[in-house]
mmCIF file of all heavy atoms, coordinates in Angstrom:
data_MODEL
# 
_entry.id   MODEL 
# 
loop_
_atom_site.group_PDB 
_atom_site.id 
_atom_site.type_symbol 
_atom_site.label_atom_id 
_atom_site.label_alt_id 
_atom_site.label_comp_id 
_atom_site.label_asym_id 
_atom_site.label_entity_id 
_atom_site.label_seq_id 
_atom_site.pdbx_PDB_ins_code 
_atom_site.Cartn_x 
_atom_site.Cartn_y 
_atom_site.Cartn_z 
_atom_site.occupancy 
_atom_site.B_iso_or_equiv 
_atom_site.pdbx_formal_charge 
_atom_site.auth_seq_id 
_atom_site.auth_comp_id 
_atom_site.auth_asym_id 
_atom_site.auth_atom_id 
_atom_site.pdbx_PDB_model_num 
ATOM 1   N N   . GLN A 1 1  ? -8.697  -14.330 -5.659  1.00 0.00 ? 1  GLN A N   1 
ATOM 2   C CA  . GLN A 1 1  ? -9.582  -15.343 -4.978  1.00 0.00 ? 1  GLN A CA  1 
ATOM 3   C C   . GLN A 1 1  ? -8.688  -16.151 -4.080  1.00 0.00 ? 1  GLN A C   1 
ATOM 4   O O   . GLN A 1 1  ? -7.654  -16.735 -4.480  1.00 0.00 ? 1  GLN A O   1 
ATOM 5   C CB  . GLN A 1 1  ? -10.150 -16.302 -6.075  1.00 0.00 ? 1  GLN A CB  1 
ATOM 6   C CG  . GLN A 1 1  ? -10.989 -17.371 -5.696  1.00 0.00 ? 1  GLN A CG  1 
ATOM 7   C CD  . GLN A 1 1  ? -12.323 -16.928 -4.844  1.00 0.00 ? 1  GLN A CD  1 
ATOM 8   O OE1 . GLN A 1 1  ? -13.009 -16.074 -5.455  1.00 0.00 ? 1  GLN A OE1 1 
ATOM 9   N NE2 . GLN A 1 1  ? -12.587 -17.554 -3.749  1.00 0.00 ? 1  GLN A NE2 1 
ATOM 10  N N   . MET A 1 2  ? -9.138  -16.237 -2.831  1.00 0.00 ? 2  MET A N   1 
ATOM 11  C CA  . MET A 1 2  ? -8.375  -16.927 -1.722  1.00 0.00 ? 2  MET A CA  1 
ATOM 12  C C   . MET A 1 2  ? -9.180  -18.001 -1.233  1.00 0.00 ? 2  MET A C   1 
ATOM 13  O O   . MET A 1 2  ? -10.244 -17.849 -0.589  1.00 0.00 ? 2  MET A O   1 
ATOM 14  C CB  . MET A 1 2  ? -7.976  -15.976 -0.689  1.00 0.00 ? 2  MET A CB  1 
ATOM 15  C CG  . MET A 1 2  ? -7.147  -14.706 -1.120  1.00 0.00 ? 2  MET A CG  1 
ATOM 16  S SD  . MET A 1 2  ? -6.635  -13.589 0.180   1.00 0.00 ? 2  MET A SD  1 
ATOM 17  C CE  . MET A 1 2  ? -8.148  -13.125 0.914   1.00 0.00 ? 2  MET A CE  1 
ATOM 18  N N   . ASN A 1 3  ? -8.598  -19.213 -1.432  1.00 0.00 ? 3  ASN A N   1 
ATOM 19  C CA  . ASN A 1 3  ? -9.353  -20.434 -0.892  1.00 0.00 ? 3  ASN A CA  1 
ATOM 20  C C   . ASN A 1 3  ? -8.450  -21.089 0.087   1.00 0.00 ? 3  ASN A C   1 
ATOM 21  O O   . ASN A 1 3  ? -7.315  -20.832 0.236   1.00 0.00 ? 3  ASN A O   1 
ATOM 22  C CB  . ASN A 1 3  ? -9.650  -21.427 -2.095  1.00 0.00 ? 3  ASN A CB  1 
ATOM 23  C CG  . ASN A 1 3  ? -10.536 -20.902 -3.045  1.00 0.00 ? 3  ASN A CG  1 
ATOM 24  O OD1 . ASN A 1 3  ? -11.374 -19.989 -2.838  1.00 0.00 ? 3  ASN A OD1 1 
ATOM 25  N ND2 . ASN A 1 3  ? -10.351 -21.282 -4.407  1.00 0.00 ? 3  ASN A ND2 1 
ATOM 26  N N   . SER A 1 4  ? -9.116  -22.131 0.813   1.00 0.00 ? 4  SER A N   1 
ATOM 27  C CA  . SER A 1 4  ? -8.324  -22.809 1.855   1.00 0.00 ? 4  SER A CA  1 
ATOM 28  C C   . SER A 1 4  ? -7.636  -22.004 2.699   1.00 0.00 ? 4  SER A C   1 
ATOM 29  O O   . SER A 1 4  ? -6.401  -22.145 3.098   1.00 0.00 ? 4  SER A O   1 
ATOM 30  C CB  . SER A 1 4  ? -7.523  -23.887 1.095   1.00 0.00 ? 4  SER A CB  1 
ATOM 31  O OG  . SER A 1 4  ? -8.234  -24.674 0.320   1.00 0.00 ? 4  SER A OG  1 
ATOM 32  N N   . LEU A 1 5  ? -8.102  -20.897 3.286   1.00 0.00 ? 5  LEU A N   1 
ATOM 33  C CA  . LEU A 1 5  ? -7.438  -19.938 4.116   1.00 0.00 ? 5  LEU A CA  1 
ATOM 34  C C   . LEU A 1 5  ? -6.946  -20.507 5.416   1.00 0.00 ? 5  LEU A C   1 
ATOM 35  O O   . LEU A 1 5  ? -7.710  -21.264 5.891   1.00 0.00 ? 5  LEU A O   1 
ATOM 36  C CB  . LEU A 1 5  ? -8.353  -18.708 4.358   1.00 0.00 ? 5  LEU A CB  1 
ATOM 37  C CG  . LEU A 1 5  ? -8.443  -17.845 3.094   1.00 0.00 ? 5  LEU A CG  1 
ATOM 38  C CD1 . LEU A 1 5  ? -9.640  -16.875 3.205   1.00 0.00 ? 5  LEU A CD1 1 
ATOM 39  C CD2 . LEU A 1 5  ? -7.179  -16.982 2.948   1.00 0.00 ? 5  LEU A CD2 1 
ATOM 40  N N   . LYS A 1 6  ? -5.800  -19.959 5.851   1.00 0.00 ? 6  LYS A N   1 
ATOM 41  C CA  . LYS A 1 6  ? -5.160  -20.461 7.052   1.00 0.00 ? 6  LYS A CA  1 
ATOM 42  C C   . LYS A 1 6  ? -5.033  -19.214 7.977   1.00 0.00 ? 6  LYS A C   1 
ATOM 43  O O   . LYS A 1 6  ? -4.925  -18.091 7.476   1.00 0.00 ? 6  LYS A O   1 
ATOM 44  C CB  . LYS A 1 6  ? -3.807  -20.904 6.671   1.00 0.00 ? 6  LYS A CB  1 
ATOM 45  C CG  . LYS A 1 6  ? -3.799  -22.182 5.672   1.00 0.00 ? 6  LYS A CG  1 
ATOM 46  C CD  . LYS A 1 6  ? -2.390  -22.600 5.359   1.00 0.00 ? 6  LYS A CD  1 
ATOM 47  C CE  . LYS A 1 6  ? -2.398  -23.611 4.302   1.00 0.00 ? 6  LYS A CE  1 
ATOM 48  N NZ  . LYS A 1 6  ? -0.999  -24.047 3.879   1.00 0.00 ? 6  LYS A NZ  1 
ATOM 49  N N   . PRO A 1 7  ? -4.798  -19.534 9.198   1.00 0.00 ? 7  PRO A N   1 
ATOM 50  C CA  . PRO A 1 7  ? -4.653  -18.398 10.215  1.00 0.00 ? 7  PRO A CA  1 
ATOM 51  C C   . PRO A 1 7  ? -3.312  -17.505 9.841   1.00 0.00 ? 7  PRO A C   1 
ATOM 52  O O   . PRO A 1 7  ? -3.417  -16.353 9.952   1.00 0.00 ? 7  PRO A O   1 
ATOM 53  C CB  . PRO A 1 7  ? -4.450  -19.066 11.559  1.00 0.00 ? 7  PRO A CB  1 
ATOM 54  C CG  . PRO A 1 7  ? -5.208  -20.386 11.328  1.00 0.00 ? 7  PRO A CG  1 
ATOM 55  C CD  . PRO A 1 7  ? -5.006  -20.785 9.898   1.00 0.00 ? 7  PRO A CD  1 
ATOM 56  N N   . GLU A 1 8  ? -2.362  -18.180 9.254   1.00 0.00 ? 8  GLU A N   1 
ATOM 57  C CA  . GLU A 1 8  ? -1.201  -17.448 8.846   1.00 0.00 ? 8  GLU A CA  1 
ATOM 58  C C   . GLU A 1 8  ? -1.395  -16.588 7.664   1.00 0.00 ? 8  GLU A C   1 
ATOM 59  O O   . GLU A 1 8  ? -0.526  -15.751 7.264   1.00 0.00 ? 8  GLU A O   1 
ATOM 60  C CB  . GLU A 1 8  ? -0.049  -18.447 8.599   1.00 0.00 ? 8  GLU A CB  1 
ATOM 61  C CG  . GLU A 1 8  ? -0.338  -19.533 7.595   1.00 0.00 ? 8  GLU A CG  1 
ATOM 62  C CD  . GLU A 1 8  ? -0.632  -20.865 8.427   1.00 0.00 ? 8  GLU A CD  1 
ATOM 63  O OE1 . GLU A 1 8  ? -1.365  -20.733 9.332   1.00 0.00 ? 8  GLU A OE1 1 
ATOM 64  O OE2 . GLU A 1 8  ? -0.162  -21.961 7.937   1.00 0.00 ? 8  GLU A OE2 1 
ATOM 65  N N   . ASP A 1 9  ? -2.542  -16.589 6.976   1.00 0.00 ? 9  ASP A N   1 
ATOM 66  C CA  . ASP A 1 9  ? -2.990  -15.607 5.978   1.00 0.00 ? 9  ASP A CA  1 
ATOM 67  C C   . ASP A 1 9  ? -3.474  -14.288 6.484   1.00 0.00 ? 9  ASP A C   1 
ATOM 68  O O   . ASP A 1 9  ? -3.672  -13.452 5.756   1.00 0.00 ? 9  ASP A O   1 
ATOM 69  C CB  . ASP A 1 9  ? -3.991  -16.298 4.974   1.00 0.00 ? 9  ASP A CB  1 
ATOM 70  C CG  . ASP A 1 9  ? -3.422  -17.490 4.193   1.00 0.00 ? 9  ASP A CG  1 
ATOM 71  O OD1 . ASP A 1 9  ? -2.291  -17.416 3.782   1.00 0.00 ? 9  ASP A OD1 1 
ATOM 72  O OD2 . ASP A 1 9  ? -4.134  -18.446 4.159   1.00 0.00 ? 9  ASP A OD2 1 
ATOM 73  N N   . THR A 1 10 ? -3.670  -14.235 7.809   1.00 0.00 ? 10 THR A N   1 
ATOM 74  C CA  . THR A 1 10 ? -4.228  -13.076 8.329   1.00 0.00 ? 10 THR A CA  1 
ATOM 75  C C   . THR A 1 10 ? -3.159  -11.962 8.256   1.00 0.00 ? 10 THR A C   1 
ATOM 76  O O   . THR A 1 10 ? -1.997  -11.992 8.454   1.00 0.00 ? 10 THR A O   1 
ATOM 77  C CB  . THR A 1 10 ? -4.470  -13.271 9.948   1.00 0.00 ? 10 THR A CB  1 
ATOM 78  O OG1 . THR A 1 10 ? -5.476  -14.226 10.080  1.00 0.00 ? 10 THR A OG1 1 
ATOM 79  C CG2 . THR A 1 10 ? -4.821  -11.942 10.638  1.00 0.00 ? 10 THR A CG2 1 
ATOM 80  N N   . ALA A 1 11 ? -3.674  -10.856 7.632   1.00 0.00 ? 11 ALA A N   1 
ATOM 81  C CA  . ALA A 1 11 ? -2.801  -9.753  7.296   1.00 0.00 ? 11 ALA A CA  1 
ATOM 82  C C   . ALA A 1 11 ? -3.604  -8.479  6.690   1.00 0.00 ? 11 ALA A C   1 
ATOM 83  O O   . ALA A 1 11 ? -4.834  -8.770  6.421   1.00 0.00 ? 11 ALA A O   1 
ATOM 84  C CB  . ALA A 1 11 ? -1.683  -10.056 6.267   1.00 0.00 ? 11 ALA A CB  1 
ATOM 85  N N   . ILE A 1 12 ? -3.033  -7.418  6.483   1.00 0.00 ? 12 ILE A N   1 
ATOM 86  C CA  . ILE A 1 12 ? -3.712  -6.345  5.715   1.00 0.00 ? 12 ILE A CA  1 
ATOM 87  C C   . ILE A 1 12 ? -3.123  -6.654  4.267   1.00 0.00 ? 12 ILE A C   1 
ATOM 88  O O   . ILE A 1 12 ? -1.919  -6.761  4.086   1.00 0.00 ? 12 ILE A O   1 
ATOM 89  C CB  . ILE A 1 12 ? -3.233  -4.981  6.087   1.00 0.00 ? 12 ILE A CB  1 
ATOM 90  C CG1 . ILE A 1 12 ? -3.736  -4.738  7.580   1.00 0.00 ? 12 ILE A CG1 1 
ATOM 91  C CG2 . ILE A 1 12 ? -3.844  -3.869  5.290   1.00 0.00 ? 12 ILE A CG2 1 
ATOM 92  C CD1 . ILE A 1 12 ? -3.249  -3.403  8.098   1.00 0.00 ? 12 ILE A CD1 1 
ATOM 93  N N   . TYR A 1 13 ? -4.046  -6.653  3.346   1.00 0.00 ? 13 TYR A N   1 
ATOM 94  C CA  . TYR A 1 13 ? -3.741  -6.885  1.969   1.00 0.00 ? 13 TYR A CA  1 
ATOM 95  C C   . TYR A 1 13 ? -3.912  -5.697  1.173   1.00 0.00 ? 13 TYR A C   1 
ATOM 96  O O   . TYR A 1 13 ? -4.793  -4.877  1.172   1.00 0.00 ? 13 TYR A O   1 
ATOM 97  C CB  . TYR A 1 13 ? -4.714  -7.977  1.396   1.00 0.00 ? 13 TYR A CB  1 
ATOM 98  C CG  . TYR A 1 13 ? -4.414  -9.364  1.844   1.00 0.00 ? 13 TYR A CG  1 
ATOM 99  C CD1 . TYR A 1 13 ? -4.617  -9.785  3.093   1.00 0.00 ? 13 TYR A CD1 1 
ATOM 100 C CD2 . TYR A 1 13 ? -3.832  -10.400 0.948   1.00 0.00 ? 13 TYR A CD2 1 
ATOM 101 C CE1 . TYR A 1 13 ? -4.296  -11.042 3.562   1.00 0.00 ? 13 TYR A CE1 1 
ATOM 102 C CE2 . TYR A 1 13 ? -3.529  -11.700 1.483   1.00 0.00 ? 13 TYR A CE2 1 
ATOM 103 C CZ  . TYR A 1 13 ? -3.774  -11.961 2.702   1.00 0.00 ? 13 TYR A CZ  1 
ATOM 104 O OH  . TYR A 1 13 ? -3.400  -13.298 3.159   1.00 0.00 ? 13 TYR A OH  1 
ATOM 105 N N   . TYR A 1 14 ? -2.825  -5.477  0.309   1.00 0.00 ? 14 TYR A N   1 
ATOM 106 C CA  . TYR A 1 14 ? -2.607  -4.317  -0.532  1.00 0.00 ? 14 TYR A CA  1 
ATOM 107 C C   . TYR A 1 14 ? -2.575  -4.757  -1.969  1.00 0.00 ? 14 TYR A C   1 
ATOM 108 O O   . TYR A 1 14 ? -1.916  -5.732  -2.183  1.00 0.00 ? 14 TYR A O   1 
ATOM 109 C CB  . TYR A 1 14 ? -1.474  -3.359  -0.109  1.00 0.00 ? 14 TYR A CB  1 
ATOM 110 C CG  . TYR A 1 14 ? -1.434  -2.964  1.323   1.00 0.00 ? 14 TYR A CG  1 
ATOM 111 C CD1 . TYR A 1 14 ? -0.877  -3.667  2.278   1.00 0.00 ? 14 TYR A CD1 1 
ATOM 112 C CD2 . TYR A 1 14 ? -1.873  -1.607  1.683   1.00 0.00 ? 14 TYR A CD2 1 
ATOM 113 C CE1 . TYR A 1 14 ? -0.834  -3.260  3.715   1.00 0.00 ? 14 TYR A CE1 1 
ATOM 114 C CE2 . TYR A 1 14 ? -1.896  -1.254  2.901   1.00 0.00 ? 14 TYR A CE2 1 
ATOM 115 C CZ  . TYR A 1 14 ? -1.324  -1.999  3.960   1.00 0.00 ? 14 TYR A CZ  1 
ATOM 116 O OH  . TYR A 1 14 ? -1.247  -1.562  5.239   1.00 0.00 ? 14 TYR A OH  1 
ATOM 117 N N   . CYS A 1 15 ? -3.024  -3.952  -2.939  1.00 0.00 ? 15 CYS A N   1 
ATOM 118 C CA  . CYS A 1 15 ? -2.694  -4.046  -4.235  1.00 0.00 ? 15 CYS A CA  1 
ATOM 119 C C   . CYS A 1 15 ? -1.850  -2.832  -4.771  1.00 0.00 ? 15 CYS A C   1 
ATOM 120 O O   . CYS A 1 15 ? -1.938  -1.712  -4.190  1.00 0.00 ? 15 CYS A O   1 
ATOM 121 C CB  . CYS A 1 15 ? -3.853  -4.190  -5.218  1.00 0.00 ? 15 CYS A CB  1 
ATOM 122 S SG  . CYS A 1 15 ? -5.044  -2.735  -5.126  1.00 0.00 ? 15 CYS A SG  1 
ATOM 123 N N   . ALA A 1 16 ? -0.978  -3.173  -5.708  1.00 0.00 ? 16 ALA A N   1 
ATOM 124 C CA  . ALA A 1 16 ? -0.144  -2.100  -6.261  1.00 0.00 ? 16 ALA A CA  1 
ATOM 125 C C   . ALA A 1 16 ? -0.083  -2.270  -7.755  1.00 0.00 ? 16 ALA A C   1 
ATOM 126 O O   . ALA A 1 16 ? 0.034   -3.531  -8.280  1.00 0.00 ? 16 ALA A O   1 
ATOM 127 C CB  . ALA A 1 16 ? 1.360   -2.281  -5.677  1.00 0.00 ? 16 ALA A CB  1 
ATOM 128 N N   . ALA A 1 17 ? -0.061  -1.241  -8.491  1.00 0.00 ? 17 ALA A N   1 
ATOM 129 C CA  . ALA A 1 17 ? 0.063   -1.091  -9.939  1.00 0.00 ? 17 ALA A CA  1 
ATOM 130 C C   . ALA A 1 17 ? 1.071   -0.398  -10.370 1.00 0.00 ? 17 ALA A C   1 
ATOM 131 O O   . ALA A 1 17 ? 1.509   0.681   -9.811  1.00 0.00 ? 17 ALA A O   1 
ATOM 132 C CB  . ALA A 1 17 ? -1.234  -0.458  -10.506 1.00 0.00 ? 17 ALA A CB  1 
ATOM 133 N N   . ASP A 1 18 ? 1.822   -0.972  -11.407 1.00 0.00 ? 18 ASP A N   1 
ATOM 134 C CA  . ASP A 1 18 ? 2.999   -0.292  -11.961 1.00 0.00 ? 18 ASP A CA  1 
ATOM 135 C C   . ASP A 1 18 ? 3.037   -0.678  -13.441 1.00 0.00 ? 18 ASP A C   1 
ATOM 136 O O   . ASP A 1 18 ? 3.044   -1.684  -13.820 1.00 0.00 ? 18 ASP A O   1 
ATOM 137 C CB  . ASP A 1 18 ? 4.274   -0.722  -11.249 1.00 0.00 ? 18 ASP A CB  1 
ATOM 138 C CG  . ASP A 1 18 ? 5.356   0.174   -11.510 1.00 0.00 ? 18 ASP A CG  1 
ATOM 139 O OD1 . ASP A 1 18 ? 6.195   -0.004  -12.549 1.00 0.00 ? 18 ASP A OD1 1 
ATOM 140 O OD2 . ASP A 1 18 ? 5.666   1.075   -10.728 1.00 0.00 ? 18 ASP A OD2 1 
ATOM 141 N N   . ALA A 1 19 ? 3.286   0.430   -14.110 1.00 0.00 ? 19 ALA A N   1 
ATOM 142 C CA  . ALA A 1 19 ? 3.346   0.280   -15.665 1.00 0.00 ? 19 ALA A CA  1 
ATOM 143 C C   . ALA A 1 19 ? 4.756   -0.095  -16.192 1.00 0.00 ? 19 ALA A C   1 
ATOM 144 O O   . ALA A 1 19 ? 4.742   -0.505  -17.366 1.00 0.00 ? 19 ALA A O   1 
ATOM 145 C CB  . ALA A 1 19 ? 2.808   1.549   -16.387 1.00 0.00 ? 19 ALA A CB  1 
ATOM 146 N N   . GLY A 1 20 ? 5.724   0.074   -15.352 1.00 0.00 ? 20 GLY A N   1 
ATOM 147 C CA  . GLY A 1 20 ? 7.037   -0.217  -15.853 1.00 0.00 ? 20 GLY A CA  1 
ATOM 148 C C   . GLY A 1 20 ? 7.683   -1.498  -15.500 1.00 0.00 ? 20 GLY A C   1 
ATOM 149 O O   . GLY A 1 20 ? 8.855   -1.662  -15.687 1.00 0.00 ? 20 GLY A O   1 
ATOM 150 N N   . ARG A 1 21 ? 6.901   -2.414  -14.772 1.00 0.00 ? 21 ARG A N   1 
ATOM 151 C CA  . ARG A 1 21 ? 7.489   -3.636  -14.285 1.00 0.00 ? 21 ARG A CA  1 
ATOM 152 C C   . ARG A 1 21 ? 6.781   -4.901  -14.999 1.00 0.00 ? 21 ARG A C   1 
ATOM 153 O O   . ARG A 1 21 ? 5.611   -4.783  -15.205 1.00 0.00 ? 21 ARG A O   1 
ATOM 154 C CB  . ARG A 1 21 ? 7.346   -3.768  -12.784 1.00 0.00 ? 21 ARG A CB  1 
ATOM 155 C CG  . ARG A 1 21 ? 8.010   -2.632  -12.101 1.00 0.00 ? 21 ARG A CG  1 
ATOM 156 C CD  . ARG A 1 21 ? 7.883   -2.782  -10.593 1.00 0.00 ? 21 ARG A CD  1 
ATOM 157 N NE  . ARG A 1 21 ? 8.133   -1.636  -9.907  1.00 0.00 ? 21 ARG A NE  1 
ATOM 158 C CZ  . ARG A 1 21 ? 8.932   -1.499  -8.789  1.00 0.00 ? 21 ARG A CZ  1 
ATOM 159 N NH1 . ARG A 1 21 ? 9.457   -2.650  -8.402  1.00 0.00 ? 21 ARG A NH1 1 
ATOM 160 N NH2 . ARG A 1 21 ? 9.185   -0.257  -8.167  1.00 0.00 ? 21 ARG A NH2 1 
ATOM 161 N N   . PHE A 1 22 ? 7.487   -5.988  -15.096 1.00 0.00 ? 22 PHE A N   1 
ATOM 162 C CA  . PHE A 1 22 ? 6.881   -7.225  -15.515 1.00 0.00 ? 22 PHE A CA  1 
ATOM 163 C C   . PHE A 1 22 ? 6.580   -8.019  -14.245 1.00 0.00 ? 22 PHE A C   1 
ATOM 164 O O   . PHE A 1 22 ? 7.093   -7.872  -13.139 1.00 0.00 ? 22 PHE A O   1 
ATOM 165 C CB  . PHE A 1 22 ? 8.000   -7.975  -16.345 1.00 0.00 ? 22 PHE A CB  1 
ATOM 166 C CG  . PHE A 1 22 ? 8.249   -7.405  -17.669 1.00 0.00 ? 22 PHE A CG  1 
ATOM 167 C CD1 . PHE A 1 22 ? 9.481   -6.759  -17.851 1.00 0.00 ? 22 PHE A CD1 1 
ATOM 168 C CD2 . PHE A 1 22 ? 7.401   -7.289  -18.670 1.00 0.00 ? 22 PHE A CD2 1 
ATOM 169 C CE1 . PHE A 1 22 ? 9.873   -6.148  -19.076 1.00 0.00 ? 22 PHE A CE1 1 
ATOM 170 C CE2 . PHE A 1 22 ? 7.681   -6.700  -19.876 1.00 0.00 ? 22 PHE A CE2 1 
ATOM 171 C CZ  . PHE A 1 22 ? 8.910   -6.216  -20.100 1.00 0.00 ? 22 PHE A CZ  1 
ATOM 172 N N   . CYS A 1 23 ? 5.533   -8.759  -14.412 1.00 0.00 ? 23 CYS A N   1 
ATOM 173 C CA  . CYS A 1 23 ? 5.050   -9.726  -13.430 1.00 0.00 ? 23 CYS A CA  1 
ATOM 174 C C   . CYS A 1 23 ? 6.080   -10.780 -13.249 1.00 0.00 ? 23 CYS A C   1 
ATOM 175 O O   . CYS A 1 23 ? 6.437   -11.479 -14.124 1.00 0.00 ? 23 CYS A O   1 
ATOM 176 C CB  . CYS A 1 23 ? 3.622   -10.300 -13.716 1.00 0.00 ? 23 CYS A CB  1 
ATOM 177 S SG  . CYS A 1 23 ? 3.135   -11.431 -12.572 1.00 0.00 ? 23 CYS A SG  1 
ATOM 178 N N   . GLY A 1 24 ? 6.502   -10.936 -11.928 1.00 0.00 ? 24 GLY A N   1 
ATOM 179 C CA  . GLY A 1 24 ? 7.516   -11.927 -11.755 1.00 0.00 ? 24 GLY A CA  1 
ATOM 180 C C   . GLY A 1 24 ? 8.092   -11.796 -10.231 1.00 0.00 ? 24 GLY A C   1 
ATOM 181 O O   . GLY A 1 24 ? 7.633   -11.041 -9.495  1.00 0.00 ? 24 GLY A O   1 
ATOM 182 N N   . ARG A 1 25 ? 9.101   -12.641 -9.925  1.00 0.00 ? 25 ARG A N   1 
ATOM 183 C CA  . ARG A 1 25 ? 9.634   -12.569 -8.639  1.00 0.00 ? 25 ARG A CA  1 
ATOM 184 C C   . ARG A 1 25 ? 10.081  -11.225 -8.130  1.00 0.00 ? 25 ARG A C   1 
ATOM 185 O O   . ARG A 1 25 ? 9.965   -10.822 -7.075  1.00 0.00 ? 25 ARG A O   1 
ATOM 186 C CB  . ARG A 1 25 ? 10.801  -13.590 -8.646  1.00 0.00 ? 25 ARG A CB  1 
ATOM 187 C CG  . ARG A 1 25 ? 11.350  -13.810 -7.233  1.00 0.00 ? 25 ARG A CG  1 
ATOM 188 C CD  . ARG A 1 25 ? 12.384  -14.927 -7.234  1.00 0.00 ? 25 ARG A CD  1 
ATOM 189 N NE  . ARG A 1 25 ? 11.764  -16.081 -7.774  1.00 0.00 ? 25 ARG A NE  1 
ATOM 190 C CZ  . ARG A 1 25 ? 12.444  -17.295 -8.072  1.00 0.00 ? 25 ARG A CZ  1 
ATOM 191 N NH1 . ARG A 1 25 ? 13.742  -17.273 -7.748  1.00 0.00 ? 25 ARG A NH1 1 
ATOM 192 N NH2 . ARG A 1 25 ? 11.875  -18.355 -8.490  1.00 0.00 ? 25 ARG A NH2 1 
ATOM 193 N N   . TYR A 1 26 ? 10.726  -10.421 -9.113  1.00 0.00 ? 26 TYR A N   1 
ATOM 194 C CA  . TYR A 1 26 ? 11.138  -9.149  -8.826  1.00 0.00 ? 26 TYR A CA  1 
ATOM 195 C C   . TYR A 1 26 ? 10.004  -8.170  -8.474  1.00 0.00 ? 26 TYR A C   1 
ATOM 196 O O   . TYR A 1 26 ? 10.149  -7.367  -7.491  1.00 0.00 ? 26 TYR A O   1 
ATOM 197 C CB  . TYR A 1 26 ? 12.047  -8.440  -9.990  1.00 0.00 ? 26 TYR A CB  1 
ATOM 198 C CG  . TYR A 1 26 ? 12.453  -7.170  -9.676  1.00 0.00 ? 26 TYR A CG  1 
ATOM 199 C CD1 . TYR A 1 26 ? 13.654  -7.027  -8.747  1.00 0.00 ? 26 TYR A CD1 1 
ATOM 200 C CD2 . TYR A 1 26 ? 11.869  -6.000  -10.040 1.00 0.00 ? 26 TYR A CD2 1 
ATOM 201 C CE1 . TYR A 1 26 ? 14.107  -5.743  -8.483  1.00 0.00 ? 26 TYR A CE1 1 
ATOM 202 C CE2 . TYR A 1 26 ? 12.415  -4.676  -9.829  1.00 0.00 ? 26 TYR A CE2 1 
ATOM 203 C CZ  . TYR A 1 26 ? 13.456  -4.578  -8.989  1.00 0.00 ? 26 TYR A CZ  1 
ATOM 204 O OH  . TYR A 1 26 ? 13.967  -3.427  -8.635  1.00 0.00 ? 26 TYR A OH  1 
# 
């Protein structure tokens, strides 16, 4: 969910799934 969108948010958005990684900065 993307709110308060800005021109700098313009991009192609991709999702990626991985079973071997934890969610975080890495």
